[in-house]
Amino acid sequence: MSYDSALVGQGERPKEILVVDDTPNNLRLLLQALSSEGYLVCCAKSAALALSRVERALPDMVLLDIRMPQMNGYELCQWLKANARTREIPVIFLSILDDVEDKVRAFGLGAVDYIAKPFQIEEVLARVEYHFQTQQFQSQLQDENRRLHQENAEQQRSLAQMGQSYSLLSQVLNSLADGIAAFKAVRNQQGEIEDFQWLLGNAAWASQVGRSPAELVGAPLAEALIDCPGDDLLNLFIQVVERHESLQYELLCEPNGEIPLWFELMASRLGDGLVARLKDITQYKQVVTQMQTAIAELQILTTQDGLTQIANRRAFDQYLQAEWLRLARMQEPISLIMGDIDRFKRFNDLCGHTTGDECLRRVAEAIASVVKRPADMVARYGGEEFAILLPHTDMQGAAQVAEQVLSAITCLRLEVPRVDCERVSLSLGVASQVPNLTRTVETLLTEADMALYSAKRQGGNRVCLAVSEGGFGEAPGGGAGAEAFDMTVYDEED
């Protein structure tokens, strides 16, 4: 068997692998396995045939046995690595020799991997794929490095051309609104950079740091960037020069103790130093801050009730839907308390809307003072109606919260003018369910609403619980037992 090959797949040309082994069974096994993975496989049963193949066309990888007649695998690898045309081809040894010395010798000759025989084909495939991926990554890095070097070279050529005429450079630099300056590295006797010295720059840079260009000539970095974190920038500047890195950095400066200013500092290496740009972005930062504030205020407007400063109906509906789905997955209970101020229309008529609004605010504050858990929500549901959502809370817990809310409203002692011994009170309906995906939040809303109207029918100022489908009971301590809900509309004076 001299050569054989397989081409698998369509589209771009697959990677070509040259398998060199004097054992036909190994060649057949590797040919079949690698071809099935989409590789183009060429087989050679001797080093001489492999050399002949390589001279005609370069493979992307070589799988190489060591023990072969005439020229062994070590010798073939040495030849490949000595040849400028083939030295970059990755070589993986496949050998029965498993001593450390053999492996050390293989890696010393330039092999990228060593697989002991008898091999597992899955391991061979995994290592082949890994080394191709590594090769591709290295190629991408080389391309990126070439691109960066090209960009850097172009920048340096451009700056060199500008440096040919100092007067022209000064005119150009001084016409720019951004500060531009060149710094020279100051090195100690060991050749290490210990500071930077200001060489030249435009008027904008000098103005931004509160000095004149003449004062800055020869100045150390800390003085050229007065009131800025010079120590941090020193290390960053050193990286620009030593590592050929570009710098983009935002800093806060306070020139001459004036109003703090934001700057964007950019720097690139130039010879044994760097060129830097200092751009005033204070206005941009102010705009960003204003936008962030506006977004935060808009968020509040879209989720908060303007009168009571608690969540609005929109925020409540969204949160209820999200919690319903979450607790359905967890199979945890969720409870809802619907509250309505008793005879609020009459209160508004007697006291006026301004007093009515104050009443709504006081009631909302009282409810919020009771409901304090982070996951709970108090919302103005509409008009004089409030909603309290209690995730991870069963009926017993919700009933206790409702009684506490009722007590908090009683403690407000909001008198109804011109009506002796009457105070603002609240009717509360409580419902609790363990959500599931076959029901919707409407079932919970309906039960809580029905319980609320049951409380209203019984005279208000009480808590009613949705104890079963179509049935309601008064909360413990309320004095009333369960009663059937007959869909009679409660007709009160409001």
Protein backbone atom coordinates (compact mmCIF):
# COMPACT_ATOMS: atom_id res chain seq x y z
CA MET A 1 0.00 0.00 0.00
CA SER A 2 1.62 3.23 -1.11
CA TYR A 3 -1.06 5.91 -0.77
CA ASP A 4 -4.76 6.07 -0.24
CA SER A 5 -7.01 9.01 0.45
CA ALA A 6 -10.56 9.87 1.37
CA LEU A 7 -12.48 13.10 0.93
CA VAL A 8 -15.50 13.50 3.17
CA GLY A 9 -18.03 16.31 3.31
CA GLN A 10 -18.80 19.24 1.10
CA GLY A 11 -18.02 22.93 1.06
CA GLU A 12 -14.53 24.07 2.01
CA ARG A 13 -11.59 21.73 1.59
CA PRO A 14 -11.25 19.58 4.70
CA LYS A 15 -8.04 19.38 6.66
CA GLU A 16 -5.58 16.89 5.17
CA ILE A 17 -3.88 14.41 7.51
CA LEU A 18 -0.91 12.25 6.49
CA VAL A 19 -0.83 8.95 8.42
CA VAL A 20 2.55 7.18 8.41
CA ASP A 21 2.61 3.62 9.81
CA ASP A 22 4.05 0.33 8.59
CA THR A 23 1.09 -1.62 10.02
CA PRO A 24 -1.73 -1.92 7.43
CA ASN A 25 -4.40 -2.49 10.11
CA ASN A 26 -3.48 0.76 11.83
CA LEU A 27 -3.61 2.61 8.51
CA ARG A 28 -7.05 1.21 7.70
CA LEU A 29 -8.41 1.96 11.16
CA LEU A 30 -7.13 5.55 11.17
CA LEU A 31 -8.21 6.11 7.56
CA GLN A 32 -11.76 4.99 8.32
CA ALA A 33 -12.08 6.91 11.60
CA LEU A 34 -10.56 10.18 10.37
CA SER A 35 -12.43 10.10 7.07
CA SER A 36 -15.72 9.63 8.92
CA GLU A 37 -14.96 12.90 10.74
CA GLY A 38 -14.60 14.77 7.45
CA TYR A 39 -10.82 14.82 7.16
CA LEU A 40 -8.93 14.22 3.92
CA VAL A 41 -6.63 11.31 4.81
CA CYS A 42 -3.45 10.22 3.03
CA CYS A 43 -1.67 7.05 4.17
CA ALA A 44 1.95 6.02 3.79
CA LYS A 45 3.43 2.74 5.06
CA SER A 46 7.00 4.06 5.19
CA ALA A 47 8.91 7.27 5.86
CA ALA A 48 10.18 7.32 2.28
CA LEU A 49 6.66 7.27 0.86
CA ALA A 50 5.69 9.98 3.34
CA LEU A 51 8.53 12.20 2.17
CA SER A 52 7.49 11.69 -1.43
CA ARG A 53 3.94 12.70 -0.56
CA VAL A 54 5.06 15.78 1.39
CA GLU A 55 7.21 16.97 -1.49
CA ARG A 56 4.16 16.95 -3.77
CA ALA A 57 1.61 18.46 -1.39
CA LEU A 58 1.84 19.65 2.20
CA PRO A 59 -0.58 18.02 4.66
CA ASP A 60 -2.13 19.94 7.53
CA MET A 61 -1.03 17.35 10.11
CA VAL A 62 1.12 14.21 10.32
CA LEU A 63 0.27 11.16 12.47
CA LEU A 64 3.58 9.32 12.72
CA ASP A 65 4.67 5.89 13.94
CA ILE A 66 8.18 5.61 15.39
CA ARG A 67 9.28 2.06 14.66
CA MET A 68 9.55 1.70 10.90
CA PRO A 69 12.17 0.08 8.65
CA GLN A 70 14.92 2.16 7.08
CA MET A 71 13.93 5.68 8.23
CA ASN A 72 12.13 5.72 11.61
CA GLY A 73 9.59 8.24 12.86
CA TYR A 74 12.12 10.27 14.83
CA GLU A 75 14.23 10.75 11.72
CA LEU A 76 11.23 11.72 9.61
CA CYS A 77 10.08 14.25 12.24
CA GLN A 78 13.60 15.69 12.41
CA TRP A 79 13.61 16.10 8.63
CA LEU A 80 10.21 17.82 8.66
CA LYS A 81 11.23 20.28 11.39
CA ALA A 82 14.54 21.06 9.70
CA ASN A 83 12.81 22.00 6.46
CA ALA A 84 11.50 25.59 6.37
CA ARG A 85 8.65 24.48 4.12
CA THR A 86 7.38 21.77 6.49
CA ARG A 87 8.48 22.82 9.98
CA GLU A 88 5.08 24.33 10.88
CA ILE A 89 3.19 21.07 10.18
CA PRO A 90 2.05 19.65 13.55
CA VAL A 91 3.32 16.10 14.20
CA ILE A 92 1.60 13.64 16.54
CA PHE A 93 3.48 10.44 17.36
CA LEU A 94 1.53 7.16 17.62
CA SER A 95 3.86 4.54 19.05
CA ILE A 96 4.06 1.41 21.16
CA LEU A 97 7.08 2.98 22.85
CA ASP A 98 5.73 4.34 26.13
CA ASP A 99 8.88 5.22 28.06
CA VAL A 100 9.42 8.72 29.33
CA GLU A 101 12.66 8.96 27.37
CA ASP A 102 10.81 8.23 24.12
CA LYS A 103 8.23 10.91 24.83
CA VAL A 104 10.88 13.45 25.83
CA ARG A 105 12.78 12.75 22.63
CA ALA A 106 9.59 13.13 20.56
CA PHE A 107 8.71 16.49 22.08
CA GLY A 108 12.32 17.58 21.78
CA LEU A 109 12.14 17.00 18.04
CA GLY A 110 9.12 19.32 17.81
CA ALA A 111 6.12 16.97 18.09
CA VAL A 112 2.94 18.53 19.47
CA ASP A 113 1.57 15.31 21.02
CA TYR A 114 2.37 11.66 21.77
CA ILE A 115 -0.25 8.86 21.83
CA ALA A 116 0.74 5.42 23.08
CA LYS A 117 -0.33 2.27 21.25
CA PRO A 118 -2.61 0.47 21.41
CA PHE A 119 -4.57 3.67 21.02
CA GLN A 120 -8.25 4.44 21.53
CA ILE A 121 -9.64 5.94 18.34
CA GLU A 122 -11.79 8.38 20.36
CA GLU A 123 -8.64 9.76 21.99
CA VAL A 124 -6.92 10.11 18.63
CA LEU A 125 -9.90 12.00 17.18
CA ALA A 126 -10.13 14.26 20.22
CA ARG A 127 -6.44 15.14 20.12
CA VAL A 128 -6.45 15.73 16.38
CA GLU A 129 -9.42 18.08 16.72
CA TYR A 130 -7.80 19.85 19.68
CA HIS A 131 -4.55 20.51 17.80
CA PHE A 132 -6.41 21.74 14.72
CA GLN A 133 -8.39 24.12 16.93
CA THR A 134 -5.17 25.25 18.63
CA GLN A 135 -3.54 25.77 15.24
CA GLN A 136 -6.54 27.80 14.06
CA PHE A 137 -6.48 29.90 17.22
CA GLN A 138 -2.76 30.56 16.82
CA SER A 139 -3.34 31.55 13.21
CA GLN A 140 -6.06 33.97 14.28
CA LEU A 141 -3.77 35.45 16.92
CA GLN A 142 -1.03 35.89 14.34
CA ASP A 143 -3.47 37.60 11.98
CA GLU A 144 -4.64 39.88 14.77
CA ASN A 145 -1.06 40.66 15.77
CA ARG A 146 -0.20 41.48 12.17
CA ARG A 147 -3.22 43.74 11.97
CA LEU A 148 -2.30 45.52 15.21
CA HIS A 149 1.31 45.87 14.12
CA GLN A 150 0.14 47.28 10.82
CA GLU A 151 -2.13 49.78 12.57
CA ASN A 152 0.64 50.75 14.95
CA ALA A 153 3.09 51.12 12.07
CA GLU A 154 0.64 53.33 10.20
CA GLN A 155 0.17 55.51 13.28
CA GLN A 156 3.91 55.82 13.77
CA ARG A 157 4.47 56.69 10.12
CA SER A 158 1.79 59.34 10.34
CA LEU A 159 3.29 60.83 13.49
CA ALA A 160 6.79 60.73 11.98
CA GLN A 161 5.60 62.69 8.97
CA MET A 162 3.99 65.27 11.23
CA GLY A 163 7.22 65.51 13.23
CA GLN A 164 9.16 66.63 10.14
CA SER A 165 7.76 70.07 10.49
CA TYR A 166 7.46 71.27 14.07
CA SER A 167 5.73 74.51 13.14
CA LEU A 168 3.15 72.66 11.08
CA LEU A 169 2.69 70.19 13.90
CA SER A 170 2.13 73.02 16.37
CA GLN A 171 -0.46 74.61 14.11
CA VAL A 172 -2.29 71.34 13.66
CA LEU A 173 -2.18 70.42 17.35
CA ASN A 174 -3.28 73.83 18.54
CA SER A 175 -6.25 73.74 16.20
CA LEU A 176 -7.63 70.69 18.01
CA ALA A 177 -10.15 70.96 20.82
CA ASP A 178 -8.82 67.80 22.47
CA GLY A 179 -5.59 67.89 24.41
CA ILE A 180 -2.65 66.23 22.62
CA ALA A 181 0.74 65.60 24.23
CA ALA A 182 3.87 63.51 23.73
CA PHE A 183 5.70 61.95 26.67
CA LYS A 184 9.20 60.51 26.84
CA ALA A 185 9.97 57.56 29.10
CA VAL A 186 12.38 58.33 31.94
CA ARG A 187 14.44 55.23 32.75
CA ASN A 188 16.74 54.39 35.67
CA GLN A 189 20.19 52.80 35.41
CA GLN A 190 18.62 49.35 35.11
CA GLY A 191 16.64 50.49 32.10
CA GLU A 192 13.31 50.41 33.93
CA ILE A 193 10.76 53.15 33.35
CA GLU A 194 10.28 55.17 36.53
CA ASP A 195 8.45 58.20 35.14
CA PHE A 196 7.44 60.08 32.00
CA GLN A 197 8.49 63.55 30.91
CA TRP A 198 6.23 65.94 29.01
CA LEU A 199 7.89 66.78 25.68
CA LEU A 200 5.37 68.81 23.75
CA GLY A 201 1.67 69.31 23.46
CA ASN A 202 -1.01 71.71 22.42
CA ALA A 203 -2.68 74.55 24.24
CA ALA A 204 -5.82 72.50 24.86
CA TRP A 205 -3.89 69.98 26.98
CA ALA A 206 -2.20 72.74 28.98
CA SER A 207 -5.52 74.48 29.54
CA GLN A 208 -7.20 71.27 30.67
CA VAL A 209 -4.59 70.68 33.37
CA GLY A 210 -4.51 74.34 34.40
CA ARG A 211 -1.02 75.25 33.15
CA SER A 212 0.66 76.92 30.20
CA PRO A 213 2.55 74.91 27.56
CA ALA A 214 5.82 76.53 28.66
CA GLU A 215 5.29 75.38 32.25
CA LEU A 216 4.68 71.82 31.15
CA VAL A 217 7.87 71.36 29.10
CA GLY A 218 9.99 68.77 30.92
CA ALA A 219 7.37 68.30 33.63
CA PRO A 220 6.95 64.83 35.18
CA LEU A 221 3.75 62.92 34.61
CA ALA A 222 2.23 63.82 37.98
CA GLU A 223 2.49 67.54 37.18
CA ALA A 224 1.29 67.15 33.60
CA LEU A 225 -1.84 65.47 34.97
CA ILE A 226 -2.31 67.55 38.09
CA ASP A 227 -5.06 66.51 40.53
CA CYS A 228 -5.33 63.12 38.78
CA PRO A 229 -4.30 59.66 40.02
CA GLY A 230 -0.75 59.93 38.67
CA ASP A 231 0.51 56.70 40.24
CA ASP A 232 -2.17 54.64 38.52
CA LEU A 233 -1.55 56.37 35.22
CA LEU A 234 2.19 55.83 35.55
CA ASN A 235 1.67 52.07 35.59
CA LEU A 236 -0.77 52.27 32.70
CA PHE A 237 1.65 54.36 30.66
CA ILE A 238 4.45 51.88 31.36
CA GLN A 239 2.26 49.10 29.95
CA VAL A 240 1.67 51.14 26.80
CA VAL A 241 5.42 51.42 26.18
CA GLU A 242 6.60 48.02 27.44
CA ARG A 243 3.77 45.91 26.04
CA HIS A 244 2.87 47.98 22.99
CA GLU A 245 -0.66 48.25 24.37
CA SER A 246 -3.15 50.99 23.58
CA LEU A 247 -4.81 52.79 26.46
CA GLN A 248 -8.34 54.11 26.82
CA TYR A 249 -9.11 55.32 30.31
CA GLU A 250 -11.59 57.64 32.02
CA LEU A 251 -10.36 59.80 34.85
CA LEU A 252 -11.67 62.48 37.14
CA CYS A 253 -9.57 65.63 37.50
CA GLU A 254 -9.90 68.70 39.69
CA PRO A 255 -7.64 71.34 38.12
CA ASN A 256 -6.85 74.19 40.52
CA GLY A 257 -9.56 72.99 42.88
CA GLU A 258 -12.32 73.92 40.47
CA ILE A 259 -15.43 71.93 39.59
CA PRO A 260 -14.49 68.27 38.95
CA LEU A 261 -14.05 67.44 35.28
CA TRP A 262 -14.24 64.10 33.50
CA PHE A 263 -11.67 63.27 30.83
CA GLU A 264 -11.10 60.41 28.44
CA LEU A 265 -7.40 59.60 28.16
CA MET A 266 -6.12 57.63 25.17
CA ALA A 267 -2.48 56.72 24.57
CA SER A 268 -0.36 54.79 22.07
CA ARG A 269 3.34 54.03 22.03
CA LEU A 270 5.62 56.40 20.11
CA GLY A 271 9.30 55.47 20.11
CA ASP A 272 10.51 55.24 23.70
CA GLY A 273 7.49 57.09 24.92
CA LEU A 274 3.91 57.69 23.96
CA VAL A 275 1.47 60.13 22.48
CA ALA A 276 -1.70 60.81 24.45
CA ARG A 277 -5.04 62.46 23.84
CA LEU A 278 -7.01 64.09 26.63
CA LYS A 279 -10.65 64.74 25.79
CA ASP A 280 -13.06 66.62 28.03
CA ILE A 281 -16.14 64.39 28.41
CA THR A 282 -17.69 66.27 31.32
CA GLN A 283 -20.71 67.33 29.26
CA TYR A 284 -21.13 63.79 27.96
CA LYS A 285 -21.01 62.45 31.53
CA GLN A 286 -23.59 65.00 32.61
CA VAL A 287 -25.89 63.99 29.76
CA VAL A 288 -25.45 60.32 30.67
CA THR A 289 -26.27 61.08 34.30
CA GLN A 290 -29.34 63.06 33.27
CA MET A 291 -30.47 60.22 31.02
CA GLN A 292 -29.98 57.70 33.81
CA THR A 293 -31.96 59.90 36.17
CA ALA A 294 -34.70 60.34 33.58
CA ILE A 295 -34.85 56.59 32.97
CA ALA A 296 -35.09 55.96 36.71
CA GLU A 297 -37.85 58.55 37.04
CA LEU A 298 -39.66 57.09 34.05
CA GLN A 299 -39.38 53.65 35.62
CA ILE A 300 -40.97 55.04 38.77
CA LEU A 301 -43.72 56.73 36.76
CA THR A 302 -44.55 53.52 34.93
CA THR A 303 -44.60 51.35 38.06
CA GLN A 304 -45.61 53.66 40.90
CA ASP A 305 -48.92 55.28 41.73
CA GLY A 306 -48.38 59.03 41.70
CA LEU A 307 -50.75 59.77 44.58
CA THR A 308 -49.91 57.07 47.13
CA GLN A 309 -46.30 56.28 46.06
CA ILE A 310 -47.01 52.54 46.15
CA ALA A 311 -47.06 50.22 43.13
CA ASN A 312 -49.67 50.94 40.47
CA ARG A 313 -52.05 48.54 38.74
CA ARG A 314 -49.69 47.92 35.81
CA ALA A 315 -46.79 46.96 38.05
CA PHE A 316 -49.08 44.77 40.16
CA ASP A 317 -50.45 42.87 37.15
CA GLN A 318 -46.95 42.18 35.83
CA TYR A 319 -45.64 41.06 39.22
CA LEU A 320 -48.67 38.86 39.90
CA GLN A 321 -48.26 37.09 36.55
CA ALA A 322 -44.54 36.53 37.11
CA GLU A 323 -44.98 35.26 40.67
CA TRP A 324 -47.84 32.99 39.63
CA LEU A 325 -45.64 31.25 37.05
CA ARG A 326 -42.66 31.09 39.41
CA LEU A 327 -44.64 29.61 42.31
CA ALA A 328 -46.41 27.20 39.95
CA ARG A 329 -43.01 25.70 39.18
CA MET A 330 -42.12 25.60 42.88
CA GLN A 331 -45.59 24.47 43.99
CA GLU A 332 -45.61 27.13 46.72
CA PRO A 333 -48.70 29.07 47.85
CA ILE A 334 -49.51 32.64 46.92
CA SER A 335 -52.09 34.80 48.66
CA LEU A 336 -53.93 37.91 47.57
CA ILE A 337 -55.69 40.45 49.79
CA MET A 338 -58.08 42.85 48.08
CA GLY A 339 -59.05 45.88 50.16
CA ASP A 340 -61.62 48.62 49.60
CA ILE A 341 -62.24 51.73 51.71
CA ASP A 342 -65.79 51.58 53.05
CA ARG A 343 -68.18 54.29 51.87
CA PHE A 344 -65.36 56.27 50.30
CA LYS A 345 -67.64 58.07 47.83
CA ARG A 346 -69.57 59.59 50.71
CA PHE A 347 -66.28 60.54 52.40
CA ASN A 348 -65.20 62.32 49.20
CA ASP A 349 -68.54 64.08 48.87
CA LEU A 350 -68.42 65.30 52.49
CA CYS A 351 -64.73 66.20 52.66
CA GLY A 352 -63.75 67.04 49.09
CA HIS A 353 -61.24 65.40 46.79
CA THR A 354 -58.19 66.97 48.44
CA THR A 355 -59.06 65.38 51.78
CA GLY A 356 -60.03 62.22 49.94
CA ASP A 357 -56.59 62.07 48.34
CA GLU A 358 -54.98 62.52 51.75
CA CYS A 359 -57.14 59.68 53.05
CA LEU A 360 -55.89 57.41 50.25
CA ARG A 361 -52.29 58.32 51.05
CA ARG A 362 -52.76 57.61 54.78
CA VAL A 363 -54.41 54.27 54.10
CA ALA A 364 -51.64 53.29 51.65
CA GLU A 365 -48.98 54.21 54.24
CA ALA A 366 -50.76 52.17 56.91
CA ILE A 367 -50.94 49.10 54.66
CA ALA A 368 -47.31 49.46 53.61
CA SER A 369 -46.25 49.72 57.27
CA VAL A 370 -47.64 46.22 57.83
CA VAL A 371 -46.47 44.55 54.60
CA LYS A 372 -42.67 44.73 54.83
CA ARG A 373 -41.24 41.55 53.30
CA PRO A 374 -39.14 42.26 50.17
CA ALA A 375 -41.11 39.81 48.02
CA ASP A 376 -44.52 41.19 49.04
CA MET A 377 -46.23 43.98 47.11
CA VAL A 378 -48.76 46.63 48.06
CA ALA A 379 -50.48 48.29 45.11
CA ARG A 380 -53.25 50.72 44.41
CA TYR A 381 -55.57 48.57 42.35
CA GLY A 382 -57.89 51.38 41.31
CA GLY A 383 -59.79 54.24 42.95
CA GLU A 384 -60.10 53.39 46.65
CA GLU A 385 -59.19 49.73 46.12
CA PHE A 386 -55.86 48.23 47.19
CA ALA A 387 -54.18 44.89 46.53
CA ILE A 388 -51.64 43.04 48.66
CA LEU A 389 -49.70 40.18 47.06
CA LEU A 390 -48.03 37.69 49.41
CA PRO A 391 -45.84 35.06 47.71
CA HIS A 392 -44.94 31.94 49.74
CA THR A 393 -47.87 32.66 52.07
CA ASP A 394 -50.82 30.36 52.81
CA MET A 395 -54.33 31.37 53.88
CA GLN A 396 -53.51 31.37 57.59
CA GLY A 397 -50.57 33.71 57.10
CA ALA A 398 -52.53 35.96 54.74
CA ALA A 399 -55.42 36.17 57.22
CA GLN A 400 -53.01 37.34 59.93
CA VAL A 401 -51.62 40.02 57.62
CA ALA A 402 -55.15 41.15 56.74
CA GLU A 403 -56.07 41.46 60.45
CA GLN A 404 -52.90 43.50 61.03
CA VAL A 405 -53.85 45.79 58.13
CA LEU A 406 -57.34 46.19 59.57
CA SER A 407 -55.85 47.12 62.95
CA ALA A 408 -53.48 49.62 61.30
CA ILE A 409 -56.40 51.33 59.56
CA THR A 410 -58.34 51.46 62.83
CA CYS A 411 -55.35 53.09 64.53
CA LEU A 412 -55.41 55.88 61.94
CA ARG A 413 -58.63 57.18 63.55
CA LEU A 414 -59.62 59.03 60.40
CA GLU A 415 -62.92 60.67 61.33
CA VAL A 416 -65.74 61.11 58.81
CA PRO A 417 -66.93 64.74 59.16
CA ARG A 418 -70.55 65.37 60.08
CA VAL A 419 -71.10 61.70 60.88
CA ASP A 420 -70.92 61.01 64.61
CA CYS A 421 -68.71 58.14 65.75
CA GLU A 422 -67.84 57.07 62.20
CA ARG A 423 -64.28 56.55 61.08
CA VAL A 424 -62.66 55.46 57.85
CA SER A 425 -62.60 51.66 57.68
CA LEU A 426 -61.52 48.98 55.25
CA SER A 427 -63.08 45.80 53.93
CA LEU A 428 -60.65 43.02 53.05
CA GLY A 429 -61.08 39.85 51.00
CA VAL A 430 -58.43 37.15 51.20
CA ALA A 431 -57.75 34.31 48.75
CA SER A 432 -54.92 31.80 48.66
CA GLN A 433 -53.92 29.17 46.11
CA VAL A 434 -51.05 26.96 45.11
CA PRO A 435 -50.68 27.97 41.45
CA ASN A 436 -50.50 25.47 38.64
CA LEU A 437 -50.16 25.91 34.91
CA THR A 438 -53.71 24.73 34.21
CA ARG A 439 -55.20 27.78 35.95
CA THR A 440 -54.62 31.48 35.49
CA VAL A 441 -54.21 34.34 37.90
CA GLU A 442 -57.83 35.25 37.20
CA THR A 443 -58.97 32.48 39.55
CA LEU A 444 -57.06 34.05 42.43
CA LEU A 445 -58.31 37.54 41.56
CA THR A 446 -61.90 36.33 41.32
CA GLU A 447 -61.80 34.57 44.70
CA ALA A 448 -60.24 37.57 46.43
CA ASP A 449 -62.77 39.90 44.78
CA MET A 450 -65.70 37.75 45.86
CA ALA A 451 -64.36 37.59 49.42
CA LEU A 452 -64.03 41.39 49.40
CA TYR A 453 -67.64 41.85 48.35
CA SER A 454 -68.72 39.38 51.00
CA ALA A 455 -66.99 41.57 53.59
CA LYS A 456 -68.75 44.63 52.16
CA ARG A 457 -72.15 42.93 52.34
CA GLN A 458 -71.62 42.16 55.98
CA GLY A 459 -71.17 45.83 56.78
CA GLY A 460 -67.49 46.41 56.06
CA ASN A 461 -64.60 46.92 58.45
CA ARG A 462 -63.84 43.21 58.43
CA VAL A 463 -61.84 40.46 56.77
CA CYS A 464 -63.49 37.70 54.76
CA LEU A 465 -61.66 34.59 53.60
CA ALA A 466 -62.34 32.62 50.42
CA VAL A 467 -62.48 29.27 52.23
CA SER A 468 -63.79 27.15 49.34
CA GLU A 469 -65.28 27.44 45.88
CA GLY A 470 -68.28 29.72 46.30
CA GLY A 471 -67.85 29.93 50.09
CA PHE A 472 -66.41 32.60 52.34
CA GLY A 473 -65.69 32.93 56.01
CA GLU A 474 -64.78 35.78 58.29
CA ALA A 475 -61.25 35.86 59.60
CA PRO A 476 -60.71 34.53 63.13
CA GLY A 477 -61.89 37.10 65.63
CA GLY A 478 -64.26 38.69 63.15
CA GLY A 479 -67.33 37.14 64.70
CA ALA A 480 -68.94 35.66 61.56
CA GLY A 481 -68.87 32.10 60.25
CA ALA A 482 -68.74 30.91 56.65
CA GLU A 483 -71.46 32.04 54.34
CA ALA A 484 -72.34 31.08 50.77
CA PHE A 485 -71.73 33.70 48.12
CA ASP A 486 -74.95 34.13 46.15
CA MET A 487 -73.73 36.74 43.61
CA THR A 488 -75.96 39.39 45.21
CA VAL A 489 -74.45 42.80 44.45
CA TYR A 490 -73.72 44.73 47.64
CA ASP A 491 -75.44 48.11 47.40
CA GLU A 492 -73.80 50.54 49.81
CA GLU A 493 -74.08 54.27 50.06
CA ASP A 494 -70.82 54.85 48.12
